[in-house]
């Protein structure tokens, strides 16, 4: 207990980065089913740079830390993934700003802003078979759980379960964005790599949060 907003932000960002590194091969294999197979490599390149620079990152407040993280990610992840993931971090950082100890409402607002930024940057929405198909329902569940009085640990666990369920449901959907959209109906045969990536990250965040708190 007693973790500061900065400590919690670092915990979440570092868990996302480490998950990207640990699952590079797995994410590439998922992406190879209908995409170009480099999703895991791209993420690992960007988040690997973030971990390399970790000790020298500016930590004046959670918002600045997230914005700097987004800039690093954008600079190193190629293709469309870099701007999309980087925009998510930047938008979240802009909402949290200099709040030293963000409230649950602040966190949900930051995640909503990240989602809006990703939608705009990727010209995508729920149903297009992208990471949004796991991220949006997970944030919906997180907000619902917090409003119903769950503590952050239980709310994160519920969000992770929702992310996994929603990511698995992308199998059967036809991709409308990205390289997978070129395969048309054949994209129904596989899950979306980005959505599964969000689910794995949400599960690791839930686990890390329980261990730290």
N, C-alpha and C. Protein backbone atom coordinates (compact mmCIF):
# COMPACT_ATOMS: atom_id res chain seq x y z
N UNK A 1 0.84 -1.19 0.00
CA UNK A 1 0.00 0.00 0.00
C UNK A 1 0.88 1.25 0.00
N UNK A 2 0.27 2.40 -0.22
CA UNK A 2 1.01 3.63 -0.16
C UNK A 2 1.80 3.96 -1.40
N UNK A 3 1.49 3.27 -2.51
CA UNK A 3 2.21 3.54 -3.74
C UNK A 3 1.75 4.88 -4.30
N UNK A 4 2.69 5.66 -4.79
CA UNK A 4 2.36 6.95 -5.39
C UNK A 4 1.85 6.74 -6.81
N UNK A 5 1.24 7.81 -7.35
CA UNK A 5 0.77 7.75 -8.72
C UNK A 5 1.91 7.48 -9.69
N UNK A 6 3.08 8.05 -9.40
CA UNK A 6 4.24 7.83 -10.26
C UNK A 6 4.69 6.38 -10.21
N UNK A 7 4.71 5.81 -9.01
CA UNK A 7 5.11 4.40 -8.88
C UNK A 7 4.13 3.48 -9.62
N UNK A 8 2.85 3.77 -9.50
CA UNK A 8 1.86 2.95 -10.18
C UNK A 8 1.97 3.09 -11.70
N UNK A 9 2.23 4.31 -12.16
CA UNK A 9 2.40 4.53 -13.60
C UNK A 9 3.61 3.76 -14.11
N UNK A 10 4.70 3.83 -13.36
CA UNK A 10 5.90 3.08 -13.76
C UNK A 10 5.63 1.58 -13.80
N UNK A 11 4.90 1.10 -12.81
CA UNK A 11 4.58 -0.34 -12.75
C UNK A 11 3.83 -0.78 -14.01
N UNK A 12 2.84 0.00 -14.40
CA UNK A 12 2.02 -0.36 -15.56
C UNK A 12 2.84 -0.28 -16.85
N UNK A 13 3.58 0.82 -17.01
CA UNK A 13 4.34 0.99 -18.26
C UNK A 13 5.44 -0.06 -18.38
N UNK A 14 6.14 -0.34 -17.29
CA UNK A 14 7.22 -1.33 -17.34
C UNK A 14 6.67 -2.73 -17.61
N UNK A 15 5.51 -3.02 -17.06
CA UNK A 15 4.90 -4.33 -17.30
C UNK A 15 4.51 -4.47 -18.77
N UNK A 16 3.96 -3.42 -19.35
CA UNK A 16 3.61 -3.45 -20.78
C UNK A 16 4.87 -3.67 -21.62
N UNK A 17 5.93 -2.92 -21.29
CA UNK A 17 7.17 -3.02 -22.07
C UNK A 17 7.77 -4.42 -21.96
N UNK A 18 7.83 -4.94 -20.74
CA UNK A 18 8.44 -6.26 -20.55
C UNK A 18 7.60 -7.35 -21.22
N UNK A 19 6.29 -7.19 -21.19
CA UNK A 19 5.41 -8.17 -21.85
C UNK A 19 5.65 -8.17 -23.36
N UNK A 20 5.84 -6.99 -23.93
CA UNK A 20 6.14 -6.90 -25.36
C UNK A 20 7.45 -7.62 -25.68
N UNK A 21 8.44 -7.46 -24.81
CA UNK A 21 9.74 -8.12 -25.04
C UNK A 21 9.61 -9.64 -24.89
N UNK A 22 8.91 -10.07 -23.86
CA UNK A 22 8.81 -11.52 -23.56
C UNK A 22 8.00 -12.27 -24.60
N UNK A 23 7.13 -11.58 -25.32
CA UNK A 23 6.21 -12.24 -26.25
C UNK A 23 6.49 -11.90 -27.71
N UNK A 24 7.69 -11.43 -27.99
CA UNK A 24 8.01 -11.02 -29.37
C UNK A 24 7.71 -12.13 -30.38
N UNK A 25 8.20 -13.32 -30.12
CA UNK A 25 8.02 -14.43 -31.06
C UNK A 25 6.54 -14.82 -31.17
N UNK A 26 5.88 -14.92 -30.03
CA UNK A 26 4.46 -15.29 -30.01
C UNK A 26 3.61 -14.30 -30.81
N UNK A 27 3.86 -13.01 -30.60
CA UNK A 27 3.07 -11.99 -31.31
C UNK A 27 3.36 -12.02 -32.82
N UNK A 28 4.59 -12.30 -33.18
CA UNK A 28 4.92 -12.42 -34.61
C UNK A 28 4.19 -13.61 -35.22
N UNK A 29 4.14 -14.71 -34.50
CA UNK A 29 3.46 -15.90 -35.01
C UNK A 29 1.96 -15.63 -35.21
N UNK A 30 1.37 -14.93 -34.27
CA UNK A 30 -0.06 -14.59 -34.41
C UNK A 30 -0.28 -13.69 -35.63
N UNK A 31 0.60 -12.73 -35.80
CA UNK A 31 0.46 -11.76 -36.88
C UNK A 31 0.70 -12.42 -38.24
N UNK A 32 1.52 -13.47 -38.27
CA UNK A 32 1.84 -14.13 -39.54
C UNK A 32 0.63 -14.84 -40.14
N UNK A 33 -0.37 -15.13 -39.31
CA UNK A 33 -1.54 -15.86 -39.80
C UNK A 33 -2.30 -15.06 -40.86
N UNK A 34 -2.36 -13.74 -40.71
CA UNK A 34 -3.09 -12.93 -41.69
C UNK A 34 -2.38 -11.62 -42.01
N UNK A 35 -1.41 -11.22 -41.18
CA UNK A 35 -0.70 -9.97 -41.43
C UNK A 35 0.67 -10.20 -42.02
N UNK A 36 1.60 -9.28 -41.72
CA UNK A 36 2.93 -9.43 -42.29
C UNK A 36 3.93 -10.06 -41.32
N UNK A 37 3.46 -10.46 -40.14
CA UNK A 37 4.30 -11.25 -39.24
C UNK A 37 5.34 -10.48 -38.46
N UNK A 38 5.29 -9.15 -38.48
CA UNK A 38 6.34 -8.39 -37.78
C UNK A 38 5.81 -7.63 -36.57
N UNK A 39 4.59 -7.91 -36.17
CA UNK A 39 3.99 -7.16 -35.05
C UNK A 39 4.83 -7.30 -33.78
N UNK A 40 5.21 -8.53 -33.46
CA UNK A 40 6.00 -8.76 -32.24
C UNK A 40 7.35 -8.08 -32.32
N UNK A 41 7.97 -8.15 -33.47
CA UNK A 41 9.28 -7.51 -33.66
C UNK A 41 9.17 -5.99 -33.49
N UNK A 42 8.14 -5.42 -34.10
CA UNK A 42 7.95 -3.97 -34.02
C UNK A 42 7.75 -3.51 -32.59
N UNK A 43 6.89 -4.22 -31.86
CA UNK A 43 6.64 -3.84 -30.47
C UNK A 43 7.91 -3.96 -29.64
N UNK A 44 8.61 -5.07 -29.82
CA UNK A 44 9.83 -5.30 -29.03
C UNK A 44 10.88 -4.23 -29.31
N UNK A 45 10.94 -3.76 -30.53
CA UNK A 45 11.91 -2.73 -30.89
C UNK A 45 11.61 -1.42 -30.14
N UNK A 46 10.33 -1.04 -30.13
CA UNK A 46 9.95 0.20 -29.47
C UNK A 46 10.03 0.11 -27.96
N UNK A 47 9.46 -0.94 -27.41
CA UNK A 47 9.46 -1.06 -25.95
C UNK A 47 10.84 -1.43 -25.41
N UNK A 48 11.65 -2.09 -26.25
CA UNK A 48 13.03 -2.37 -25.84
C UNK A 48 13.80 -1.08 -25.65
N UNK A 49 13.58 -0.12 -26.55
CA UNK A 49 14.23 1.19 -26.42
C UNK A 49 13.77 1.88 -25.14
N UNK A 50 12.49 1.75 -24.85
CA UNK A 50 11.95 2.36 -23.62
C UNK A 50 12.65 1.78 -22.39
N UNK A 51 12.85 0.47 -22.37
CA UNK A 51 13.53 -0.15 -21.22
C UNK A 51 15.00 0.24 -21.16
N UNK A 52 15.62 0.40 -22.33
CA UNK A 52 17.02 0.85 -22.37
C UNK A 52 17.18 2.23 -21.73
N UNK A 53 16.20 3.09 -22.01
CA UNK A 53 16.26 4.47 -21.52
C UNK A 53 15.63 4.64 -20.14
N UNK A 54 15.17 3.55 -19.55
CA UNK A 54 14.31 3.60 -18.36
C UNK A 54 14.87 4.48 -17.24
N UNK A 55 16.10 4.26 -16.89
CA UNK A 55 16.66 4.97 -15.72
C UNK A 55 16.80 6.48 -15.96
N UNK A 56 16.83 6.87 -17.23
CA UNK A 56 17.01 8.30 -17.53
C UNK A 56 15.72 9.01 -17.93
N UNK A 57 14.59 8.30 -17.83
CA UNK A 57 13.31 8.90 -18.20
C UNK A 57 12.93 10.01 -17.22
N UNK A 58 12.32 11.08 -17.74
CA UNK A 58 11.86 12.17 -16.87
C UNK A 58 10.66 11.71 -16.07
N UNK A 59 10.71 11.92 -14.76
CA UNK A 59 9.68 11.43 -13.85
C UNK A 59 9.07 12.55 -13.00
N UNK A 60 8.94 13.74 -13.58
CA UNK A 60 8.42 14.85 -12.79
C UNK A 60 6.96 14.63 -12.40
N UNK A 61 6.22 13.91 -13.24
CA UNK A 61 4.83 13.57 -12.92
C UNK A 61 4.38 12.45 -13.89
N UNK A 62 3.28 11.75 -13.57
CA UNK A 62 2.84 10.63 -14.41
C UNK A 62 2.57 11.05 -15.86
N UNK A 63 1.99 12.25 -16.05
CA UNK A 63 1.66 12.69 -17.39
C UNK A 63 2.90 12.87 -18.26
N UNK A 64 3.91 13.52 -17.70
CA UNK A 64 5.16 13.73 -18.43
C UNK A 64 5.82 12.40 -18.75
N UNK A 65 5.82 11.50 -17.78
CA UNK A 65 6.43 10.18 -17.98
C UNK A 65 5.74 9.44 -19.14
N UNK A 66 4.42 9.47 -19.17
CA UNK A 66 3.69 8.79 -20.24
C UNK A 66 3.96 9.45 -21.60
N UNK A 67 4.01 10.77 -21.61
CA UNK A 67 4.25 11.46 -22.88
C UNK A 67 5.66 11.15 -23.41
N UNK A 68 6.64 11.14 -22.53
CA UNK A 68 8.01 10.79 -22.95
C UNK A 68 8.06 9.34 -23.43
N UNK A 69 7.33 8.48 -22.76
CA UNK A 69 7.28 7.07 -23.18
C UNK A 69 6.69 6.96 -24.58
N UNK A 70 5.62 7.70 -24.82
CA UNK A 70 4.97 7.68 -26.13
C UNK A 70 5.90 8.16 -27.23
N UNK A 71 6.69 9.19 -26.93
CA UNK A 71 7.63 9.72 -27.93
C UNK A 71 8.71 8.69 -28.25
N UNK A 72 9.19 8.01 -27.24
CA UNK A 72 10.22 6.98 -27.46
C UNK A 72 9.66 5.84 -28.30
N UNK A 73 8.46 5.39 -27.96
CA UNK A 73 7.83 4.29 -28.69
C UNK A 73 7.62 4.66 -30.15
N UNK A 74 7.08 5.86 -30.37
CA UNK A 74 6.82 6.31 -31.74
C UNK A 74 8.09 6.36 -32.57
N UNK A 75 9.18 6.75 -31.93
CA UNK A 75 10.44 6.91 -32.67
C UNK A 75 11.06 5.59 -33.09
N UNK A 76 10.68 4.48 -32.43
CA UNK A 76 11.36 3.22 -32.70
C UNK A 76 10.50 2.14 -33.34
N UNK A 77 9.18 2.23 -33.22
CA UNK A 77 8.33 1.20 -33.81
C UNK A 77 7.98 1.61 -35.23
N UNK A 78 8.25 0.73 -36.18
CA UNK A 78 8.00 1.06 -37.57
C UNK A 78 6.55 0.88 -37.99
N UNK A 79 6.27 1.20 -39.24
CA UNK A 79 4.94 1.01 -39.81
C UNK A 79 3.88 1.81 -39.10
N UNK A 80 2.68 1.26 -39.03
CA UNK A 80 1.57 1.97 -38.39
C UNK A 80 1.54 1.76 -36.89
N UNK A 81 2.20 0.71 -36.42
CA UNK A 81 2.13 0.40 -34.98
C UNK A 81 2.72 1.50 -34.12
N UNK A 82 3.84 2.10 -34.55
CA UNK A 82 4.49 3.11 -33.75
C UNK A 82 3.59 4.29 -33.43
N UNK A 83 3.06 4.96 -34.47
CA UNK A 83 2.17 6.09 -34.20
C UNK A 83 0.93 5.72 -33.39
N UNK A 84 0.42 4.52 -33.61
CA UNK A 84 -0.80 4.10 -32.90
C UNK A 84 -0.52 3.91 -31.41
N UNK A 85 0.52 3.14 -31.10
CA UNK A 85 0.84 2.91 -29.68
C UNK A 85 1.36 4.18 -29.04
N UNK A 86 2.17 4.92 -29.76
CA UNK A 86 2.70 6.17 -29.21
C UNK A 86 1.60 7.17 -28.91
N UNK A 87 0.63 7.26 -29.82
CA UNK A 87 -0.49 8.18 -29.61
C UNK A 87 -1.27 7.81 -28.35
N UNK A 88 -1.44 6.52 -28.11
CA UNK A 88 -2.15 6.08 -26.90
C UNK A 88 -1.48 6.59 -25.64
N UNK A 89 -0.17 6.44 -25.57
CA UNK A 89 0.57 6.91 -24.39
C UNK A 89 0.53 8.44 -24.29
N UNK A 90 0.70 9.12 -25.43
CA UNK A 90 0.69 10.59 -25.41
C UNK A 90 -0.64 11.13 -24.92
N UNK A 91 -1.73 10.57 -25.46
CA UNK A 91 -3.06 11.06 -25.08
C UNK A 91 -3.35 10.80 -23.60
N UNK A 92 -2.96 9.63 -23.13
CA UNK A 92 -3.17 9.33 -21.71
C UNK A 92 -2.37 10.30 -20.85
N UNK A 93 -1.15 10.59 -21.28
CA UNK A 93 -0.30 11.51 -20.52
C UNK A 93 -0.86 12.91 -20.48
N UNK A 94 -1.49 13.33 -21.59
CA UNK A 94 -2.06 14.68 -21.64
C UNK A 94 -3.20 14.83 -20.64
N UNK A 95 -3.96 13.77 -20.42
CA UNK A 95 -5.08 13.83 -19.46
C UNK A 95 -4.56 13.80 -18.02
N UNK A 96 -3.59 12.94 -17.76
CA UNK A 96 -3.10 12.84 -16.38
C UNK A 96 -2.29 14.08 -15.99
N UNK A 97 -1.59 14.65 -16.97
CA UNK A 97 -0.85 15.89 -16.70
C UNK A 97 0.03 15.80 -15.48
N UNK A 98 -0.08 16.80 -14.60
CA UNK A 98 0.79 16.82 -13.42
C UNK A 98 0.09 16.29 -12.17
N UNK A 99 -0.96 15.49 -12.36
CA UNK A 99 -1.63 14.89 -11.20
C UNK A 99 -0.69 13.89 -10.53
N UNK A 100 -0.32 14.17 -9.32
CA UNK A 100 0.63 13.28 -8.63
C UNK A 100 -0.02 11.96 -8.23
N UNK A 101 -1.28 12.01 -7.87
CA UNK A 101 -1.99 10.79 -7.48
C UNK A 101 -3.35 10.74 -8.17
N UNK A 102 -3.37 10.30 -9.42
CA UNK A 102 -4.63 10.26 -10.18
C UNK A 102 -5.68 9.40 -9.50
N UNK A 103 -6.93 9.85 -9.57
CA UNK A 103 -8.05 9.07 -9.04
C UNK A 103 -8.45 8.02 -10.08
N UNK A 104 -9.29 7.04 -9.67
CA UNK A 104 -9.78 6.07 -10.66
C UNK A 104 -10.48 6.75 -11.84
N UNK A 105 -11.22 7.82 -11.57
CA UNK A 105 -11.88 8.56 -12.66
C UNK A 105 -10.84 9.17 -13.61
N UNK A 106 -9.74 9.67 -13.05
CA UNK A 106 -8.67 10.22 -13.89
C UNK A 106 -8.09 9.14 -14.79
N UNK A 107 -7.88 7.97 -14.23
CA UNK A 107 -7.28 6.87 -15.00
C UNK A 107 -8.21 6.44 -16.14
N UNK A 108 -9.49 6.32 -15.83
CA UNK A 108 -10.45 5.94 -16.87
C UNK A 108 -10.49 7.02 -17.96
N UNK A 109 -10.49 8.28 -17.56
CA UNK A 109 -10.50 9.37 -18.54
C UNK A 109 -9.24 9.32 -19.42
N UNK A 110 -8.11 9.01 -18.82
CA UNK A 110 -6.86 8.92 -19.59
C UNK A 110 -6.94 7.77 -20.60
N UNK A 111 -7.49 6.64 -20.17
CA UNK A 111 -7.62 5.50 -21.07
C UNK A 111 -8.61 5.80 -22.20
N UNK A 112 -9.68 6.52 -21.87
CA UNK A 112 -10.65 6.92 -22.92
C UNK A 112 -9.99 7.84 -23.95
N UNK A 113 -9.15 8.74 -23.45
CA UNK A 113 -8.46 9.65 -24.36
C UNK A 113 -7.49 8.87 -25.25
N UNK A 114 -6.81 7.87 -24.66
CA UNK A 114 -5.89 7.03 -25.44
C UNK A 114 -6.67 6.30 -26.54
N UNK A 115 -7.82 5.79 -26.19
CA UNK A 115 -8.66 5.08 -27.17
C UNK A 115 -9.08 6.02 -28.30
N UNK A 116 -9.51 7.22 -27.94
CA UNK A 116 -9.93 8.18 -28.98
C UNK A 116 -8.77 8.51 -29.92
N UNK A 117 -7.58 8.66 -29.33
CA UNK A 117 -6.41 8.95 -30.13
C UNK A 117 -6.05 7.81 -31.08
N UNK A 118 -6.15 6.60 -30.58
CA UNK A 118 -5.86 5.42 -31.41
C UNK A 118 -6.89 5.29 -32.53
N UNK A 119 -8.14 5.54 -32.20
CA UNK A 119 -9.19 5.48 -33.24
C UNK A 119 -8.90 6.47 -34.35
N UNK A 120 -8.55 7.68 -33.94
CA UNK A 120 -8.30 8.74 -34.92
C UNK A 120 -7.05 8.44 -35.74
N UNK A 121 -5.98 8.04 -35.07
CA UNK A 121 -4.71 7.79 -35.75
C UNK A 121 -4.82 6.60 -36.71
N UNK A 122 -5.54 5.56 -36.28
CA UNK A 122 -5.64 4.36 -37.11
C UNK A 122 -6.86 4.35 -38.02
N UNK A 123 -7.68 5.39 -37.91
CA UNK A 123 -8.93 5.44 -38.68
C UNK A 123 -9.69 4.14 -38.51
N UNK A 124 -9.81 3.71 -37.27
CA UNK A 124 -10.43 2.42 -36.97
C UNK A 124 -11.40 2.57 -35.80
N UNK A 125 -12.25 1.57 -35.65
CA UNK A 125 -13.19 1.57 -34.54
C UNK A 125 -13.44 0.12 -34.12
N UNK A 126 -14.21 -0.04 -33.07
CA UNK A 126 -14.56 -1.39 -32.61
C UNK A 126 -15.27 -2.13 -33.75
N UNK A 127 -14.87 -3.37 -33.96
CA UNK A 127 -15.47 -4.17 -35.02
C UNK A 127 -14.61 -4.29 -36.26
N UNK A 128 -13.52 -3.48 -36.31
CA UNK A 128 -12.61 -3.53 -37.46
C UNK A 128 -11.53 -4.60 -37.32
N UNK A 129 -11.56 -5.34 -36.22
CA UNK A 129 -10.59 -6.39 -35.93
C UNK A 129 -9.20 -5.79 -35.74
N UNK A 130 -9.10 -4.97 -34.70
CA UNK A 130 -7.82 -4.38 -34.31
C UNK A 130 -7.68 -4.48 -32.79
N UNK A 131 -6.63 -3.91 -32.25
CA UNK A 131 -6.44 -3.92 -30.80
C UNK A 131 -7.60 -3.26 -30.06
N UNK A 132 -8.33 -2.38 -30.75
CA UNK A 132 -9.47 -1.71 -30.11
C UNK A 132 -10.54 -2.70 -29.68
N UNK A 133 -10.62 -3.84 -30.36
CA UNK A 133 -11.64 -4.83 -30.02
C UNK A 133 -11.38 -5.52 -28.69
N UNK A 134 -10.18 -5.38 -28.15
CA UNK A 134 -9.90 -5.86 -26.80
C UNK A 134 -9.82 -4.69 -25.82
N UNK A 135 -9.21 -3.58 -26.28
CA UNK A 135 -8.96 -2.44 -25.39
C UNK A 135 -10.25 -1.76 -24.94
N UNK A 136 -11.17 -1.51 -25.88
CA UNK A 136 -12.39 -0.78 -25.52
C UNK A 136 -13.25 -1.57 -24.52
N UNK A 137 -13.56 -2.85 -24.78
CA UNK A 137 -14.35 -3.58 -23.78
C UNK A 137 -13.64 -3.72 -22.45
N UNK A 138 -12.31 -3.82 -22.47
CA UNK A 138 -11.57 -3.94 -21.20
C UNK A 138 -11.70 -2.66 -20.37
N UNK A 139 -11.61 -1.50 -21.04
CA UNK A 139 -11.75 -0.23 -20.31
C UNK A 139 -13.19 -0.05 -19.84
N UNK A 140 -14.16 -0.49 -20.66
CA UNK A 140 -15.56 -0.45 -20.22
C UNK A 140 -15.74 -1.24 -18.93
N UNK A 141 -15.14 -2.46 -18.91
CA UNK A 141 -15.27 -3.31 -17.72
C UNK A 141 -14.55 -2.71 -16.52
N UNK A 142 -13.39 -2.11 -16.77
CA UNK A 142 -12.65 -1.47 -15.68
C UNK A 142 -13.48 -0.36 -15.05
N UNK A 143 -14.05 0.48 -15.89
CA UNK A 143 -14.86 1.59 -15.38
C UNK A 143 -16.08 1.09 -14.62
N UNK A 144 -16.73 0.08 -15.18
CA UNK A 144 -17.93 -0.49 -14.53
C UNK A 144 -17.57 -1.07 -13.16
N UNK A 145 -16.47 -1.80 -13.11
CA UNK A 145 -16.06 -2.43 -11.85
C UNK A 145 -15.72 -1.40 -10.79
N UNK A 146 -15.01 -0.35 -11.21
CA UNK A 146 -14.66 0.70 -10.25
C UNK A 146 -15.89 1.43 -9.74
N UNK A 147 -16.84 1.69 -10.66
CA UNK A 147 -18.07 2.37 -10.24
C UNK A 147 -18.90 1.52 -9.31
N UNK A 148 -18.78 0.19 -9.45
CA UNK A 148 -19.52 -0.72 -8.58
C UNK A 148 -18.82 -0.98 -7.25
N UNK A 149 -17.70 -0.30 -7.04
CA UNK A 149 -17.03 -0.37 -5.75
C UNK A 149 -15.88 -1.35 -5.65
N UNK A 150 -15.49 -1.98 -6.76
CA UNK A 150 -14.36 -2.90 -6.71
C UNK A 150 -13.08 -2.12 -6.41
N UNK A 151 -12.15 -2.77 -5.72
CA UNK A 151 -10.86 -2.10 -5.53
C UNK A 151 -10.08 -2.22 -6.84
N UNK A 152 -9.02 -1.42 -7.00
CA UNK A 152 -8.28 -1.43 -8.27
C UNK A 152 -7.79 -2.81 -8.68
N UNK A 153 -7.38 -3.61 -7.72
CA UNK A 153 -6.86 -4.94 -8.04
C UNK A 153 -7.94 -5.83 -8.68
N UNK A 154 -9.11 -5.85 -8.07
CA UNK A 154 -10.21 -6.66 -8.62
C UNK A 154 -10.70 -6.08 -9.96
N UNK A 155 -10.73 -4.76 -10.05
CA UNK A 155 -11.18 -4.13 -11.30
C UNK A 155 -10.23 -4.45 -12.45
N UNK A 156 -8.93 -4.46 -12.16
CA UNK A 156 -7.95 -4.79 -13.19
C UNK A 156 -8.07 -6.25 -13.61
N UNK A 157 -8.34 -7.12 -12.64
CA UNK A 157 -8.52 -8.54 -12.97
C UNK A 157 -9.74 -8.73 -13.87
N UNK A 158 -10.82 -8.03 -13.56
CA UNK A 158 -12.03 -8.12 -14.38
C UNK A 158 -11.77 -7.58 -15.79
N UNK A 159 -11.03 -6.50 -15.87
CA UNK A 159 -10.70 -5.90 -17.18
C UNK A 159 -9.84 -6.86 -18.01
N UNK A 160 -8.90 -7.53 -17.34
CA UNK A 160 -8.04 -8.48 -18.05
C UNK A 160 -8.84 -9.66 -18.60
N UNK A 161 -9.78 -10.14 -17.82
CA UNK A 161 -10.62 -11.25 -18.27
C UNK A 161 -11.46 -10.82 -19.48
N UNK A 162 -11.97 -9.59 -19.41
CA UNK A 162 -12.75 -9.08 -20.53
C UNK A 162 -11.89 -8.92 -21.78
N UNK A 163 -10.67 -8.43 -21.58
CA UNK A 163 -9.75 -8.27 -22.72
C UNK A 163 -9.49 -9.60 -23.39
N UNK A 164 -9.24 -10.64 -22.60
CA UNK A 164 -8.98 -11.97 -23.16
C UNK A 164 -10.19 -12.50 -23.93
N UNK A 165 -11.35 -12.39 -23.31
CA UNK A 165 -12.58 -12.87 -23.95
C UNK A 165 -12.84 -12.14 -25.27
N UNK A 166 -12.67 -10.83 -25.25
CA UNK A 166 -12.94 -10.02 -26.44
C UNK A 166 -11.88 -10.26 -27.52
N UNK A 167 -10.63 -10.46 -27.10
CA UNK A 167 -9.57 -10.72 -28.07
C UNK A 167 -9.80 -12.06 -28.78
N UNK A 168 -10.18 -13.06 -28.01
CA UNK A 168 -10.45 -14.38 -28.61
C UNK A 168 -11.62 -14.29 -29.61
N UNK A 169 -12.55 -13.38 -29.32
CA UNK A 169 -13.73 -13.22 -30.19
C UNK A 169 -13.40 -12.57 -31.53
N UNK A 170 -12.17 -12.05 -31.67
CA UNK A 170 -11.83 -11.47 -32.97
C UNK A 170 -11.68 -12.55 -34.04
N UNK A 171 -11.50 -13.80 -33.59
CA UNK A 171 -11.55 -14.89 -34.56
C UNK A 171 -13.00 -15.02 -35.02
N UNK A 172 -13.21 -14.94 -36.26
CA UNK A 172 -14.58 -14.92 -36.79
C UNK A 172 -14.95 -13.57 -37.35
N UNK A 173 -14.11 -12.56 -37.03
CA UNK A 173 -14.34 -11.23 -37.59
C UNK A 173 -13.50 -11.07 -38.87
N UNK A 174 -13.96 -10.20 -39.76
CA UNK A 174 -13.21 -9.89 -40.97
C UNK A 174 -12.45 -8.59 -40.74
N UNK A 175 -11.14 -8.63 -40.95
CA UNK A 175 -10.31 -7.45 -40.72
C UNK A 175 -10.66 -6.33 -41.69
N UNK A 176 -10.79 -5.11 -41.14
CA UNK A 176 -11.11 -3.94 -41.97
C UNK A 176 -9.95 -2.96 -42.05
N UNK A 177 -8.91 -3.20 -41.24
CA UNK A 177 -7.76 -2.30 -41.21
C UNK A 177 -6.47 -3.09 -41.19
N UNK A 178 -5.39 -2.47 -41.62
CA UNK A 178 -4.08 -3.10 -41.58
C UNK A 178 -3.89 -4.14 -42.66
N UNK A 179 -2.71 -4.80 -42.62
CA UNK A 179 -2.36 -5.78 -43.63
C UNK A 179 -3.35 -6.94 -43.68
N UNK A 180 -3.90 -7.30 -42.51
CA UNK A 180 -4.83 -8.43 -42.47
C UNK A 180 -6.07 -8.18 -43.33
N UNK A 181 -6.42 -6.89 -43.54
CA UNK A 181 -7.62 -6.58 -44.33
C UNK A 181 -7.44 -7.00 -45.79
N UNK A 182 -6.18 -7.15 -46.23
CA UNK A 182 -5.94 -7.56 -47.61
C UNK A 182 -6.38 -9.00 -47.86
N UNK A 183 -6.46 -9.78 -46.78
CA UNK A 183 -6.81 -11.19 -46.94
C UNK A 183 -8.31 -11.44 -46.97
N UNK A 184 -9.11 -10.40 -46.76
CA UNK A 184 -10.56 -10.52 -46.86
C UNK A 184 -11.13 -11.55 -45.91
N UNK A 185 -12.02 -12.41 -46.42
CA UNK A 185 -12.70 -13.39 -45.58
C UNK A 185 -11.74 -14.37 -44.90
N UNK A 186 -10.57 -14.54 -45.49
CA UNK A 186 -9.61 -15.47 -44.88
C UNK A 186 -9.15 -15.00 -43.49
N UNK A 187 -9.31 -13.70 -43.24
CA UNK A 187 -8.90 -13.19 -41.93
C UNK A 187 -9.81 -13.69 -40.81
N UNK A 188 -10.97 -14.27 -41.19
CA UNK A 188 -11.86 -14.83 -40.16
C UNK A 188 -11.23 -16.01 -39.43
N UNK A 189 -10.23 -16.60 -40.03
CA UNK A 189 -9.69 -17.85 -39.51
C UNK A 189 -8.73 -17.66 -38.34
N UNK A 190 -8.38 -16.43 -38.04
CA UNK A 190 -7.39 -16.20 -36.98
C UNK A 190 -7.80 -15.04 -36.09
N UNK A 191 -7.23 -15.04 -34.87
CA UNK A 191 -7.46 -13.91 -33.95
C UNK A 191 -6.61 -12.73 -34.41
N UNK A 192 -6.95 -11.53 -33.92
CA UNK A 192 -6.14 -10.36 -34.23
C UNK A 192 -4.96 -10.29 -33.26
N UNK A 193 -3.78 -10.15 -33.82
CA UNK A 193 -2.56 -10.15 -32.99
C UNK A 193 -2.55 -8.96 -32.02
N UNK A 194 -2.99 -7.80 -32.48
CA UNK A 194 -3.00 -6.63 -31.60
C UNK A 194 -3.95 -6.79 -30.43
N UNK A 195 -5.12 -7.38 -30.70
CA UNK A 195 -6.09 -7.60 -29.63
C UNK A 195 -5.56 -8.60 -28.61
N UNK A 196 -4.92 -9.67 -29.10
CA UNK A 196 -4.34 -10.64 -28.17
C UNK A 196 -3.21 -9.98 -27.38
N UNK A 197 -2.45 -9.11 -28.06
CA UNK A 197 -1.38 -8.39 -27.37
C UNK A 197 -1.92 -7.58 -26.20
N UNK A 198 -3.02 -6.88 -26.42
CA UNK A 198 -3.65 -6.11 -25.35
C UNK A 198 -4.10 -7.02 -24.21
N UNK A 199 -4.66 -8.19 -24.57
CA UNK A 199 -5.13 -9.13 -23.54
C UNK A 199 -3.96 -9.64 -22.69
N UNK A 200 -2.87 -10.02 -23.33
CA UNK A 200 -1.72 -10.53 -22.58
C UNK A 200 -1.15 -9.42 -21.68
N UNK A 201 -1.09 -8.21 -22.19
CA UNK A 201 -0.58 -7.09 -21.38
C UNK A 201 -1.51 -6.83 -20.19
N UNK A 202 -2.82 -6.86 -20.43
CA UNK A 202 -3.78 -6.63 -19.33
C UNK A 202 -3.64 -7.71 -18.26
N UNK A 203 -3.42 -8.94 -18.67
CA UNK A 203 -3.26 -10.03 -17.70
C UNK A 203 -1.99 -9.84 -16.88
N UNK A 204 -0.93 -9.41 -17.53
CA UNK A 204 0.33 -9.20 -16.81
C UNK A 204 0.25 -7.98 -15.88
N UNK A 205 -0.48 -6.94 -16.30
CA UNK A 205 -0.67 -5.77 -15.43
C UNK A 205 -1.44 -6.18 -14.19
N UNK A 206 -2.51 -6.97 -14.38
CA UNK A 206 -3.30 -7.43 -13.23
C UNK A 206 -2.44 -8.22 -12.26
N UNK A 207 -1.62 -9.10 -12.80
CA UNK A 207 -0.75 -9.93 -11.96
C UNK A 207 0.29 -9.07 -11.22
N UNK A 208 0.92 -8.16 -11.94
CA UNK A 208 1.95 -7.31 -11.34
C UNK A 208 1.35 -6.40 -10.26
N UNK A 209 0.13 -5.92 -10.52
CA UNK A 209 -0.53 -5.03 -9.55
C UNK A 209 -0.80 -5.78 -8.25
N UNK A 210 -1.31 -7.00 -8.37
CA UNK A 210 -1.59 -7.80 -7.17
C UNK A 210 -0.32 -8.05 -6.37
N UNK A 211 0.76 -8.33 -7.06
CA UNK A 211 2.02 -8.61 -6.38
C UNK A 211 2.58 -7.37 -5.69
N UNK A 212 2.36 -6.20 -6.30
CA UNK A 212 2.93 -4.96 -5.77
C UNK A 212 2.10 -4.34 -4.66
N UNK A 213 0.79 -4.66 -4.67
CA UNK A 213 -0.09 -4.03 -3.68
C UNK A 213 -0.59 -5.04 -2.67
